[in-house]
Protein backbone atom coordinates (compact mmCIF):
# COMPACT_ATOMS: atom_id res chain seq x y z
CA MET A 1 0.20 -0.11 0.17
CA GLY A 2 1.47 3.63 -0.91
CA THR A 3 1.01 6.51 0.66
CA PHE A 4 0.96 8.88 -1.55
CA LYS A 5 -0.88 8.03 -4.90
CA GLU A 6 2.29 8.77 -6.26
CA THR A 7 6.16 9.09 -5.45
CA SER A 8 8.91 10.53 -8.22
CA ARG A 9 12.01 12.07 -8.61
CA LEU A 10 13.20 14.82 -10.60
CA PRO A 11 16.44 13.01 -12.76
CA GLU A 12 19.23 15.38 -10.84
CA PHE A 13 17.78 13.74 -7.83
CA GLU A 14 18.54 10.76 -8.87
CA LYS A 15 22.24 12.15 -9.20
CA ASP A 16 22.10 14.07 -5.74
CA THR A 17 21.19 10.40 -4.38
CA LYS A 18 23.85 8.43 -5.72
CA ARG A 19 26.62 11.54 -5.00
CA LEU A 20 25.82 10.92 -1.33
CA LEU A 21 25.16 7.05 -1.46
CA LYS A 22 29.21 6.96 -1.51
CA ARG A 23 29.07 8.76 1.88
CA PHE A 24 25.96 7.97 3.93
CA LYS A 25 24.88 3.74 2.74
CA THR A 26 21.24 3.57 4.24
CA ILE A 27 20.13 7.48 1.98
CA GLU A 28 17.34 4.33 0.08
CA ASP A 29 15.99 3.13 2.75
CA ASP A 30 15.95 6.85 4.80
CA LEU A 31 14.25 8.06 2.42
CA GLU A 32 11.79 5.81 2.14
CA ILE A 33 11.24 5.54 6.10
CA PHE A 34 10.69 10.07 5.63
CA ILE A 35 8.57 9.67 2.90
CA GLU A 36 6.27 6.62 4.77
CA LYS A 37 6.26 8.76 8.81
CA GLN A 38 7.02 12.20 7.92
CA LEU A 39 6.03 13.26 4.69
CA PHE A 40 2.69 11.10 5.56
CA LEU A 41 2.92 12.94 9.14
CA TYR A 42 2.84 16.10 8.10
CA HIS A 43 0.56 16.45 4.53
CA LYS A 44 -2.34 13.39 5.35
CA LEU A 45 -2.37 13.67 9.44
CA LYS A 46 -1.23 17.32 9.52
CA VAL A 47 0.88 16.03 11.92
CA ASP A 48 3.70 19.47 12.26
CA ASN A 49 7.05 18.22 13.39
CA LYS A 50 8.51 21.85 12.86
CA GLY A 51 10.90 19.30 10.79
CA ILE A 52 8.77 20.43 7.31
CA PHE A 53 8.90 24.13 5.96
CA GLN A 54 7.49 25.74 2.94
CA ILE A 55 9.22 27.39 0.42
CA THR A 56 7.70 30.87 -0.22
CA GLY A 57 8.35 33.26 -3.27
CA LEU A 58 7.89 30.91 -5.87
CA PRO A 59 6.81 32.57 -9.34
CA VAL A 60 4.23 29.28 -9.70
CA GLU A 61 1.05 29.43 -7.69
CA ASN A 62 -1.04 26.24 -6.98
CA HIS A 63 2.79 24.86 -6.78
CA GLU A 64 3.76 23.59 -3.30
CA VAL A 65 7.42 23.31 -2.79
CA TYR A 66 8.66 21.95 0.42
CA LYS A 67 12.15 21.90 3.65
CA ALA A 68 12.54 19.13 4.77
CA LYS A 69 15.33 19.83 7.51
CA LYS A 70 14.21 17.22 9.97
CA PHE A 71 16.02 13.59 7.73
CA ALA A 72 16.87 10.15 9.93
CA CYS A 73 20.13 8.79 8.02
CA LYS A 74 20.97 5.96 9.97
CA SER A 75 24.64 6.58 8.30
CA LEU A 76 24.61 9.15 10.56
CA LYS A 77 24.29 7.68 13.71
CA GLY A 78 23.75 9.47 17.03
CA ARG A 79 22.78 12.48 15.03
CA GLY A 80 19.02 11.66 14.47
CA VAL A 81 16.96 13.82 12.56
CA GLN A 82 19.67 16.62 13.09
CA SER A 83 21.50 14.68 10.61
CA GLY A 84 21.77 18.02 8.53
CA ILE A 85 20.65 15.61 5.15
CA ARG A 86 18.12 18.24 3.11
CA VAL A 87 15.31 17.25 1.27
CA ILE A 88 13.79 19.48 -1.26
CA TYR A 89 9.98 18.20 -3.28
CA ALA A 90 7.08 19.17 -4.29
CA TYR A 91 3.63 18.05 -2.87
CA ASP A 92 0.65 18.43 -6.07
CA GLU A 93 -2.26 18.00 -2.85
CA GLU A 94 -4.87 17.51 -5.79
CA ARG A 95 -2.51 14.64 -7.55
CA ASP A 96 -1.64 13.39 -4.00
CA LYS A 97 1.96 13.22 -5.43
CA ILE A 98 5.24 14.08 -4.58
CA VAL A 99 7.66 14.72 -6.58
CA LEU A 100 11.87 14.68 -4.82
CA ILE A 101 13.29 17.38 -6.52
CA GLU A 102 16.76 17.76 -4.19
CA ILE A 103 18.73 16.01 -1.52
CA TYR A 104 22.00 17.37 0.22
CA PHE A 105 23.59 17.28 2.85
CA LYS A 106 24.29 20.46 4.74
CA GLY A 107 27.79 20.48 5.34
CA ASP A 108 28.24 19.88 1.40
CA LYS A 109 26.42 23.95 0.46
CA ALA A 110 24.21 26.09 2.30
CA ASN A 111 20.85 26.00 -0.41
CA GLU A 112 18.65 24.42 -1.85
CA ASP A 113 19.04 24.67 -5.67
CA LYS A 114 16.83 28.03 -6.53
CA GLN A 115 16.87 27.41 -10.18
CA ARG A 116 16.36 23.85 -10.25
CA ILE A 117 12.99 24.05 -7.80
CA PHE A 118 12.57 27.00 -10.74
CA GLU A 119 13.04 24.92 -13.91
CA TYR A 120 10.91 21.83 -12.15
CA LEU A 121 8.11 24.27 -11.75
CA ARG A 122 8.38 25.66 -15.14
């Protein structure tokens, strides 16, 4: 049983994941759990654990893009949800669809790739 009707990844997200996999071996499993638990709680059950923030100031209406700051990564032992991994994704409530846009480690870069978000929204 899927948590959302559809979950997809941008090709760039796949590249990000492959890059991170070299350092964080559990990233694929962590992503599964993240979608099933945290995104489900936030979007379906409206439980806000103060770990997901909507990215504002985007040029397109009706597209909700979020940044998840709480992401539990088993490869980063002892850090819990404050792993430093960030996930940027879009949620289309009407179509019940999650699109994973970007994943990165905070130690590598400070902020999301706004250009990639704009490209996706276009």
